[in-house]
Amino acid sequence: MTAADEVAGICADLIRFDTTNRGEGVAKPERPAAEYVARLLDEVGLPSTIVESAPGRASVLARIPGTDPAHPAFLIHGHLDVVPADPAEWTVPPFSGEVRDGCVWGRGAVDMKGTLAMTLATVRQRLREGRRTRGDLVLAFLADEECTCEYGSRYVAREHRAFFDGCTEAISESGGFSVDAGGVRIYPIATGERGTMWMRLTARGTAGHGSKPAPDNAVAEIAHAVSRLASHQWPIRLTSGVRALLNGLADALDITIDLDRLDAEAARLGGVGRLFTGTIRNSANPTRLDAGYKINVVPGTATAQVDGRYLPGTGEEFLTTVDRLLGPKVTREFVNFEEAPAADPAGPTFAALADALRAEDPLARPIPYVMAGGTDAKAFNDIGISSFGFAPLLLPPGLDYLGMFHGVDERVPLDALTFGTRVLDHFLNTR
């Protein structure tokens, strides 16, 4: 059996494990999915270790010895958990793993059980055929990426550090997919991410009867602060990673991109423009509001949560701006703080990733880009492992792939999954 024969089935099986992560420790256990992954590896003779950071919060670690003990090891990591899905919003049940219209449907098809399936199918084929990488190949299937990573990548990087000895580079999610640009196929390979500052905001006032004047109303104060944050126009800050993306796009499309009007340029470029709209500035998006317990009671406290993302080198500027917008009556604390990681777009690993794409798609134009969101790469960056976003997929032009991250009707084409297994196999031949 080849990777192409089983990748869709593995993807569908993984989707059927409901590993919903609602954050702040409220999650379905990843353990059943982890046990499934461990069984697939065991079937081809690869022992693995399931580690739990808390009851049911499980990750799978495995290491395939290479042919040359002196050669650097290489890590492939990905996460087993997914964000919530409301079945009422979906065309198919989100945890059905249904195959329809040439796609596998379900929560996690894109983020990121489809990528895990490609990794598993490729590794299983290589082990069946007795093919090894030159250096050790380390695999990590992780819990809790959709929250703070504390139960997953942070835990294994801290408590099982020796498992990653010899690894300095890795691949994971959110890159290597095709973006149609009028006959040119762009393949963005992620070489960095924005940093993360998730914050809890608190306003305090005087509790009292809802019918009486409330000059220091905590609900009103938090609402004003959140409104100021949401309406703030953050200035454009071009980092070296984003400049590399813009230069790569200009070269691949044979166009000039006006750096003085990047918002308009993003709109003009359509799908390709979405690759940089989220990474040319910082952002602070309010995501939750909590206050009160009865309509005729003014509460003494009101809180909000904000998803803050900042570009490398702008952390101090970001917090100074946030504090000014919040004002003196609102305090903040970090729910999660992570530095912005980066990998080398000029090094041999990026070149090998690009070559693997071109081997399967001669029209591929690989370019470096920076992710707007965050991944487990941050935790591994803390122990000296830099990650590239590389989940290779050749996608049909009309598929809104980027819109399906945390969206409804998430799905991945069968042909794209088999393409991805071939690309991964090409790349692993270089390791």
Protein backbone atom coordinates (compact mmCIF):
# COMPACT_ATOMS: atom_id res chain seq x y z
CA MET A 1 0.00 0.00 0.00
CA THR A 2 1.28 3.46 -0.91
CA ALA A 3 0.84 6.76 0.88
CA ALA A 4 -1.59 7.83 -1.85
CA ASP A 5 -3.78 4.81 -1.12
CA GLU A 6 -4.28 5.56 2.57
CA VAL A 7 -3.84 9.28 3.17
CA ALA A 8 -7.52 10.17 2.72
CA GLY A 9 -8.64 7.37 5.01
CA ILE A 10 -6.22 8.45 7.73
CA CYS A 11 -7.41 12.05 7.39
CA ALA A 12 -11.06 10.99 7.73
CA ASP A 13 -10.28 8.78 10.72
CA LEU A 14 -8.47 11.60 12.51
CA ILE A 15 -11.37 14.00 11.89
CA ARG A 16 -13.78 11.54 13.53
CA PHE A 17 -11.94 11.94 16.82
CA ASP A 18 -13.58 14.99 18.43
CA THR A 19 -10.56 16.76 19.88
CA THR A 20 -12.25 20.14 20.34
CA ASN A 21 -10.18 22.61 22.34
CA ARG A 22 -12.24 25.43 23.88
CA GLY A 23 -9.28 26.94 25.65
CA GLU A 24 -8.31 27.58 29.26
CA GLY A 25 -8.09 23.85 30.00
CA VAL A 26 -11.57 23.08 28.63
CA ALA A 27 -10.96 20.50 25.92
CA LYS A 28 -11.93 17.07 24.71
CA PRO A 29 -9.07 14.64 25.41
CA GLU A 30 -6.58 14.13 22.60
CA ARG A 31 -5.76 10.67 24.03
CA PRO A 32 -8.00 8.60 21.67
CA ALA A 33 -6.51 10.32 18.61
CA ALA A 34 -3.01 9.89 20.04
CA GLU A 35 -3.60 6.16 20.53
CA TYR A 36 -4.76 5.89 16.91
CA VAL A 37 -1.56 7.60 15.73
CA ALA A 38 0.54 5.30 17.89
CA ARG A 39 -1.21 2.24 16.40
CA LEU A 40 -0.48 3.43 12.86
CA LEU A 41 3.18 3.82 13.70
CA ASP A 42 3.33 0.48 15.50
CA GLU A 43 1.88 -1.28 12.44
CA VAL A 44 5.00 -0.38 10.46
CA GLY A 45 7.40 -1.25 13.26
CA LEU A 46 7.95 2.19 14.74
CA PRO A 47 7.63 2.37 18.53
CA SER A 48 6.26 5.60 19.94
CA THR A 49 5.69 7.21 23.31
CA ILE A 50 2.39 8.71 24.43
CA VAL A 51 2.91 11.41 27.04
CA GLU A 52 0.17 13.09 29.05
CA SER A 53 0.53 16.58 30.48
CA ALA A 54 -2.83 16.16 32.25
CA PRO A 55 -5.44 13.37 32.19
CA GLY A 56 -6.33 12.80 28.53
CA ARG A 57 -4.18 15.65 27.21
CA ALA A 58 -1.89 13.42 25.17
CA SER A 59 0.90 13.88 22.63
CA VAL A 60 2.75 11.21 20.62
CA LEU A 61 6.53 11.23 20.19
CA ALA A 62 8.54 8.95 17.90
CA ARG A 63 12.08 8.90 16.56
CA ILE A 64 13.21 7.04 13.44
CA PRO A 65 16.96 6.37 13.46
CA GLY A 66 18.76 7.68 10.38
CA THR A 67 21.52 6.06 8.38
CA ASP A 68 24.21 8.48 9.61
CA PRO A 69 24.38 9.12 13.38
CA ALA A 70 26.53 12.20 12.79
CA HIS A 71 23.95 13.89 10.57
CA PRO A 72 21.54 16.43 12.16
CA ALA A 73 18.12 15.16 13.19
CA PHE A 74 14.99 16.75 11.75
CA LEU A 75 11.58 17.32 13.36
CA ILE A 76 8.08 17.13 11.88
CA HIS A 77 5.45 18.38 14.32
CA GLY A 78 1.73 18.99 14.24
CA HIS A 79 -1.28 19.19 16.54
CA LEU A 80 -4.15 16.81 17.23
CA ASP A 81 -6.60 19.32 18.69
CA VAL A 82 -9.07 21.48 16.76
CA VAL A 83 -11.19 24.57 17.39
CA PRO A 84 -14.94 24.20 18.10
CA ALA A 85 -17.45 23.67 15.31
CA ASP A 86 -21.21 24.34 15.41
CA PRO A 87 -22.94 21.55 13.43
CA ALA A 88 -25.85 23.89 12.60
CA GLU A 89 -23.51 26.01 10.47
CA TRP A 90 -22.03 23.12 8.47
CA THR A 91 -23.12 21.37 5.27
CA VAL A 92 -21.90 18.05 6.72
CA PRO A 93 -21.46 17.03 10.37
CA PRO A 94 -18.10 18.53 11.33
CA PHE A 95 -16.73 15.34 12.87
CA SER A 96 -17.98 12.93 10.20
CA GLY A 97 -14.86 12.81 8.02
CA GLU A 98 -17.23 12.52 5.07
CA VAL A 99 -15.83 12.26 1.55
CA ARG A 100 -17.90 14.38 -0.82
CA ASP A 101 -17.22 16.20 -4.09
CA GLY A 102 -13.63 14.98 -4.16
CA CYS A 103 -12.81 16.31 -0.68
CA VAL A 104 -12.53 15.07 2.88
CA TRP A 105 -14.82 17.26 5.00
CA GLY A 106 -14.67 18.04 8.68
CA ARG A 107 -13.14 20.09 11.44
CA GLY A 108 -9.39 19.73 11.17
CA ALA A 109 -9.25 18.81 7.48
CA VAL A 110 -7.16 21.94 6.94
CA ASP A 111 -6.04 22.75 10.48
CA MET A 112 -4.38 20.34 10.70
CA LYS A 113 -5.40 16.69 10.58
CA GLY A 114 -4.98 16.62 6.81
CA THR A 115 -1.32 17.50 7.27
CA LEU A 116 -0.93 14.87 9.99
CA ALA A 117 -2.44 12.32 7.61
CA MET A 118 0.08 13.24 4.91
CA THR A 119 2.92 12.87 7.40
CA LEU A 120 1.68 9.51 8.68
CA ALA A 121 0.97 8.08 5.23
CA THR A 122 4.39 9.18 3.91
CA VAL A 123 6.31 7.87 6.91
CA ARG A 124 4.42 4.57 6.86
CA GLN A 125 5.25 4.01 3.18
CA ARG A 126 8.91 4.82 3.71
CA LEU A 127 9.16 2.43 6.65
CA ARG A 128 7.41 -0.36 4.76
CA GLU A 129 9.94 0.12 1.97
CA GLY A 130 12.88 0.30 4.36
CA ARG A 131 13.84 3.86 3.37
CA ARG A 132 15.39 6.06 6.04
CA THR A 133 16.51 9.64 6.17
CA ARG A 134 20.21 10.32 6.64
CA GLY A 135 19.70 11.92 10.05
CA ASP A 136 17.17 10.84 12.65
CA LEU A 137 13.57 11.81 11.86
CA VAL A 138 11.63 12.95 14.93
CA LEU A 139 7.83 13.02 14.91
CA ALA A 140 5.62 14.93 17.36
CA PHE A 141 1.81 14.79 17.28
CA LEU A 142 0.76 17.33 19.89
CA ALA A 143 -2.04 18.44 22.15
CA ASP A 144 -3.28 21.97 22.86
CA GLU A 145 -1.95 24.04 19.95
CA GLU A 146 -5.34 25.75 19.66
CA CYS A 147 -4.88 27.34 23.07
CA THR A 148 -1.59 28.20 24.77
CA CYS A 149 0.31 25.00 23.85
CA GLU A 150 0.92 24.51 27.58
CA TYR A 151 -0.48 20.96 27.50
CA GLY A 152 1.31 20.09 24.25
CA SER A 153 4.43 21.55 22.65
CA ARG A 154 5.46 23.60 25.68
CA TYR A 155 5.11 20.52 27.88
CA VAL A 156 7.10 18.17 25.65
CA ALA A 157 9.78 20.79 24.96
CA ARG A 158 10.20 21.28 28.69
CA GLU A 159 9.65 17.79 30.12
CA HIS A 160 10.93 15.65 27.21
CA ARG A 161 13.69 17.88 25.90
CA ALA A 162 16.05 14.94 25.29
CA PHE A 163 13.68 13.52 22.71
CA PHE A 164 14.59 16.41 20.41
CA ASP A 165 18.35 16.21 20.80
CA GLY A 166 20.15 17.02 17.57
CA CYS A 167 17.18 18.80 15.99
CA THR A 168 17.73 22.37 14.88
CA GLU A 169 15.04 22.64 12.18
CA ALA A 170 11.50 21.42 11.62
CA ILE A 171 8.44 21.62 9.42
CA SER A 172 4.84 21.98 10.49
CA GLU A 173 1.58 23.62 9.41
CA SER A 174 0.41 26.60 7.39
CA GLY A 175 2.62 26.77 4.32
CA GLY A 176 3.46 25.05 1.06
CA PHE A 177 -0.08 25.32 -0.37
CA SER A 178 -0.76 26.74 -3.81
CA VAL A 179 -2.35 30.13 -4.40
CA ASP A 180 -3.57 30.76 -7.93
CA ALA A 181 -2.53 34.13 -9.33
CA GLY A 182 -3.89 34.21 -12.82
CA GLY A 183 -1.98 31.23 -14.16
CA VAL A 184 0.97 31.55 -11.79
CA ARG A 185 0.97 29.18 -8.83
CA ILE A 186 2.47 30.77 -5.74
CA TYR A 187 3.52 28.42 -2.93
CA PRO A 188 4.15 30.40 0.27
CA ILE A 189 6.55 28.61 2.65
CA ALA A 190 6.29 30.08 6.12
CA THR A 191 9.55 31.30 7.60
CA GLY A 192 8.12 33.18 10.57
CA GLU A 193 5.13 34.25 12.62
CA ARG A 194 3.96 37.27 14.51
CA GLY A 195 4.40 37.13 18.26
CA THR A 196 1.44 36.48 20.55
CA MET A 197 0.08 38.64 23.36
CA TRP A 198 -3.28 37.33 24.55
CA MET A 199 -4.54 39.65 27.26
CA ARG A 200 -7.29 39.77 29.85
CA LEU A 201 -8.56 43.31 30.51
CA THR A 202 -10.28 44.30 33.76
CA ALA A 203 -12.29 47.38 34.64
CA ARG A 204 -13.47 48.02 38.19
CA GLY A 205 -16.17 50.35 39.41
CA THR A 206 -18.78 50.72 42.11
CA ALA A 207 -21.44 48.03 42.25
CA GLY A 208 -24.98 49.23 42.78
CA HIS A 209 -28.61 49.34 41.72
CA GLY A 210 -29.19 49.56 37.96
CA SER A 211 -31.66 52.41 38.37
CA LYS A 212 -29.21 54.77 40.04
CA PRO A 213 -26.44 56.93 38.55
CA ALA A 214 -23.21 55.00 38.01
CA PRO A 215 -20.41 57.41 37.14
CA ASP A 216 -17.76 54.66 37.38
CA ASN A 217 -19.65 51.85 35.63
CA ALA A 218 -17.21 48.99 34.99
CA VAL A 219 -19.24 47.68 32.03
CA ALA A 220 -19.17 51.04 30.30
CA GLU A 221 -15.46 51.45 30.99
CA ILE A 222 -14.53 48.09 29.49
CA ALA A 223 -16.81 48.73 26.52
CA HIS A 224 -15.14 52.07 25.80
CA ALA A 225 -11.68 50.54 26.09
CA VAL A 226 -12.53 47.66 23.78
CA SER A 227 -14.03 50.06 21.26
CA ARG A 228 -10.86 52.16 21.25
CA LEU A 229 -8.75 49.04 20.65
CA ALA A 230 -10.98 47.73 17.89
CA SER A 231 -11.08 51.03 16.00
CA HIS A 232 -7.36 51.77 16.22
CA GLN A 233 -5.54 51.79 12.89
CA TRP A 234 -2.16 50.21 13.51
CA PRO A 235 0.67 51.62 11.39
CA ILE A 236 2.37 49.50 8.75
CA ARG A 237 5.71 48.06 9.84
CA LEU A 238 7.63 46.14 7.18
CA THR A 239 9.81 43.40 8.66
CA SER A 240 12.52 41.61 6.72
CA GLY A 241 10.30 38.53 6.41
CA VAL A 242 7.41 40.47 4.91
CA ARG A 243 9.76 42.33 2.58
CA ALA A 244 11.01 38.94 1.35
CA LEU A 245 7.42 37.91 0.63
CA LEU A 246 6.64 41.11 -1.24
CA ASN A 247 9.84 40.86 -3.29
CA GLY A 248 9.05 37.22 -4.09
CA LEU A 249 5.53 38.08 -5.21
CA ALA A 250 6.73 40.94 -7.37
CA ASP A 251 9.27 38.68 -9.04
CA ALA A 252 6.93 35.72 -9.54
CA LEU A 253 4.10 37.86 -10.93
CA ASP A 254 6.38 40.26 -12.81
CA ILE A 255 4.72 43.28 -11.22
CA THR A 256 5.61 46.26 -9.06
CA ILE A 257 4.11 46.37 -5.57
CA ASP A 258 3.73 49.89 -4.19
CA LEU A 259 4.99 49.71 -0.59
CA ASP A 260 3.37 53.06 0.22
CA ARG A 261 -0.17 51.72 -0.37
CA LEU A 262 -0.05 48.09 0.71
CA ASP A 263 -3.70 47.85 1.77
CA ALA A 264 -4.79 48.86 -1.73
CA GLU A 265 -2.21 46.52 -3.25
CA ALA A 266 -3.53 43.61 -1.19
CA ALA A 267 -7.05 44.30 -2.48
CA ARG A 268 -5.77 44.52 -6.05
CA LEU A 269 -3.92 41.21 -5.81
CA GLY A 270 -6.89 39.27 -4.43
CA GLY A 271 -5.99 35.86 -3.01
CA VAL A 272 -2.28 36.56 -3.20
CA GLY A 273 -2.79 39.80 -1.28
CA ARG A 274 -4.23 37.83 1.62
CA LEU A 275 -0.75 36.43 2.21
CA PHE A 276 0.43 39.76 3.59
CA THR A 277 -2.65 41.66 4.83
CA GLY A 278 -2.29 40.15 8.30
CA THR A 279 1.45 40.62 8.65
CA ILE A 280 2.15 44.22 7.69
CA ARG A 281 1.00 45.59 11.06
CA ASN A 282 0.26 44.63 14.63
CA SER A 283 -3.29 43.80 15.69
CA ALA A 284 -5.39 43.66 18.85
CA ASN A 285 -8.79 42.05 18.33
CA PRO A 286 -11.30 41.91 21.20
CA THR A 287 -12.72 38.38 21.34
CA ARG A 288 -14.65 38.09 24.64
CA LEU A 289 -16.66 40.25 27.04
CA ASP A 290 -17.80 39.18 30.51
CA ALA A 291 -19.68 41.22 33.10
CA GLY A 292 -22.64 41.20 35.43
CA TYR A 293 -25.21 38.71 36.64
CA LYS A 294 -28.56 40.56 36.65
CA ILE A 295 -30.11 43.31 34.56
CA ASN A 296 -30.82 45.64 37.48
CA VAL A 297 -27.41 45.29 39.13
CA VAL A 298 -24.40 47.37 38.08
CA PRO A 299 -21.45 44.97 38.53
CA GLY A 300 -18.26 46.04 40.23
CA THR A 301 -16.05 44.28 37.68
CA ALA A 302 -16.08 43.75 33.92
CA THR A 303 -13.53 41.87 31.83
CA ALA A 304 -12.59 41.39 28.21
CA GLN A 305 -10.13 39.24 26.33
CA VAL A 306 -8.00 40.45 23.44
CA ASP A 307 -6.02 38.51 20.86
CA GLY A 308 -2.92 40.61 20.38
CA ARG A 309 -0.32 39.85 17.68
CA TYR A 310 2.86 41.80 17.15
CA LEU A 311 5.61 41.89 14.56
CA PRO A 312 9.21 41.07 15.52
CA GLY A 313 10.89 44.01 17.17
CA THR A 314 7.66 45.90 17.88
CA GLY A 315 6.65 44.43 21.25
CA GLU A 316 7.42 47.53 23.32
CA GLU A 317 5.65 49.80 20.83
CA PHE A 318 2.66 47.44 20.82
CA LEU A 319 2.21 47.47 24.60
CA THR A 320 2.71 51.23 24.84
CA THR A 321 -0.07 51.72 22.32
CA VAL A 322 -2.38 49.22 24.04
CA ASP A 323 -1.93 50.93 27.41
CA ARG A 324 -2.66 54.34 25.92
CA LEU A 325 -5.85 53.04 24.28
CA LEU A 326 -7.04 51.25 27.42
CA GLY A 327 -6.70 54.32 29.61
CA PRO A 328 -5.93 54.53 33.32
CA LYS A 329 -9.05 52.70 34.56
CA VAL A 330 -8.43 49.39 32.76
CA THR A 331 -5.71 46.97 33.72
CA ARG A 332 -4.29 44.14 31.62
CA GLU A 333 -2.61 40.82 32.25
CA PHE A 334 -1.19 38.23 29.87
CA VAL A 335 -3.11 35.03 29.21
CA ASN A 336 -0.37 33.97 26.81
CA PHE A 337 2.86 35.62 25.72
CA GLU A 338 5.12 34.20 23.00
CA GLU A 339 7.97 35.71 21.04
CA ALA A 340 7.90 35.79 17.24
CA PRO A 341 9.91 32.86 15.78
CA ALA A 342 11.79 32.87 12.47
CA ALA A 343 13.53 30.42 10.14
CA ASP A 344 16.14 31.08 7.44
CA PRO A 345 14.63 31.67 3.98
CA ALA A 346 18.11 31.70 2.41
CA GLY A 347 19.30 28.38 3.83
CA PRO A 348 19.46 24.85 2.40
CA THR A 349 16.26 23.65 4.08
CA PHE A 350 14.12 26.31 2.42
CA ALA A 351 15.78 25.45 -0.90
CA ALA A 352 15.03 21.75 -0.40
CA LEU A 353 11.38 22.49 0.41
CA ALA A 354 11.09 24.63 -2.72
CA ASP A 355 12.76 21.93 -4.86
CA ALA A 356 10.34 19.31 -3.54
CA LEU A 357 7.38 21.44 -4.63
CA ARG A 358 8.86 22.05 -8.07
CA ALA A 359 9.53 18.32 -8.49
CA GLU A 360 5.77 17.67 -8.32
CA ASP A 361 4.56 20.92 -9.86
CA PRO A 362 6.88 22.42 -12.50
CA LEU A 363 4.80 25.62 -12.40
CA ALA A 364 5.39 26.12 -8.67
CA ARG A 365 6.79 29.47 -7.54
CA PRO A 366 7.81 28.97 -3.89
CA ILE A 367 8.34 32.14 -1.86
CA PRO A 368 8.92 32.87 1.85
CA TYR A 369 6.14 34.36 3.92
CA VAL A 370 5.24 35.22 7.50
CA MET A 371 2.14 33.80 9.18
CA ALA A 372 -0.38 36.14 10.79
CA GLY A 373 -1.27 33.59 13.46
CA GLY A 374 0.79 31.31 15.65
CA THR A 375 1.73 27.64 15.88
CA ASP A 376 3.69 25.17 17.99
CA ALA A 377 6.78 26.59 16.27
CA LYS A 378 7.06 29.11 19.10
CA ALA A 379 7.60 26.44 21.75
CA PHE A 380 10.22 24.64 19.70
CA ASN A 381 11.91 27.92 18.86
CA ASP A 382 12.49 28.32 22.60
CA ILE A 383 14.68 25.18 22.60
CA GLY A 384 16.64 26.13 19.49
CA ILE A 385 14.53 24.49 16.77
CA SER A 386 13.35 26.77 13.95
CA SER A 387 10.25 25.70 12.03
CA PHE A 388 9.11 26.18 8.45
CA GLY A 389 5.39 26.19 7.69
CA PHE A 390 5.09 23.45 5.10
CA ALA A 391 1.87 21.51 4.48
CA PRO A 392 2.16 21.02 0.70
CA LEU A 393 -1.12 21.06 -1.24
CA LEU A 394 -1.90 21.72 -4.90
CA LEU A 395 -5.33 23.34 -4.61
CA PRO A 396 -8.02 24.10 -7.21
CA PRO A 397 -8.18 27.84 -8.00
CA GLY A 398 -11.67 28.42 -6.59
CA LEU A 399 -11.12 26.87 -3.16
CA ASP A 400 -10.97 29.43 -0.33
CA TYR A 401 -8.31 27.55 1.59
CA LEU A 402 -7.22 30.41 3.85
CA GLY A 403 -10.85 31.10 4.73
CA MET A 404 -11.33 27.56 6.05
CA PHE A 405 -8.87 27.95 8.93
CA HIS A 406 -11.27 28.01 11.91
CA GLY A 407 -14.13 28.49 9.40
CA VAL A 408 -17.17 26.39 8.46
CA ASP A 409 -17.27 23.57 5.88
CA GLU A 410 -13.55 22.92 6.31
CA ARG A 411 -12.38 20.42 3.68
CA VAL A 412 -9.32 19.29 1.77
CA PRO A 413 -9.25 17.84 -1.77
CA LEU A 414 -8.24 14.20 -2.12
CA ASP A 415 -5.87 15.04 -4.97
CA ALA A 416 -4.19 17.69 -2.82
CA LEU A 417 -3.52 15.15 -0.07
CA THR A 418 -1.87 12.69 -2.46
CA PHE A 419 0.15 15.54 -3.96
CA GLY A 420 1.32 16.43 -0.48
CA THR A 421 2.54 12.91 0.26
CA ARG A 422 4.67 12.94 -2.88
CA VAL A 423 6.17 16.33 -2.02
CA LEU A 424 6.95 15.26 1.54
CA ASP A 425 8.62 12.10 0.25
CA HIS A 426 10.80 14.17 -2.11
CA PHE A 427 11.79 16.43 0.75
CA LEU A 428 12.58 13.61 3.16
CA ASN A 429 14.95 12.16 0.57
CA THR A 430 17.12 15.24 1.20
CA ARG A 431 17.25 14.80 4.96
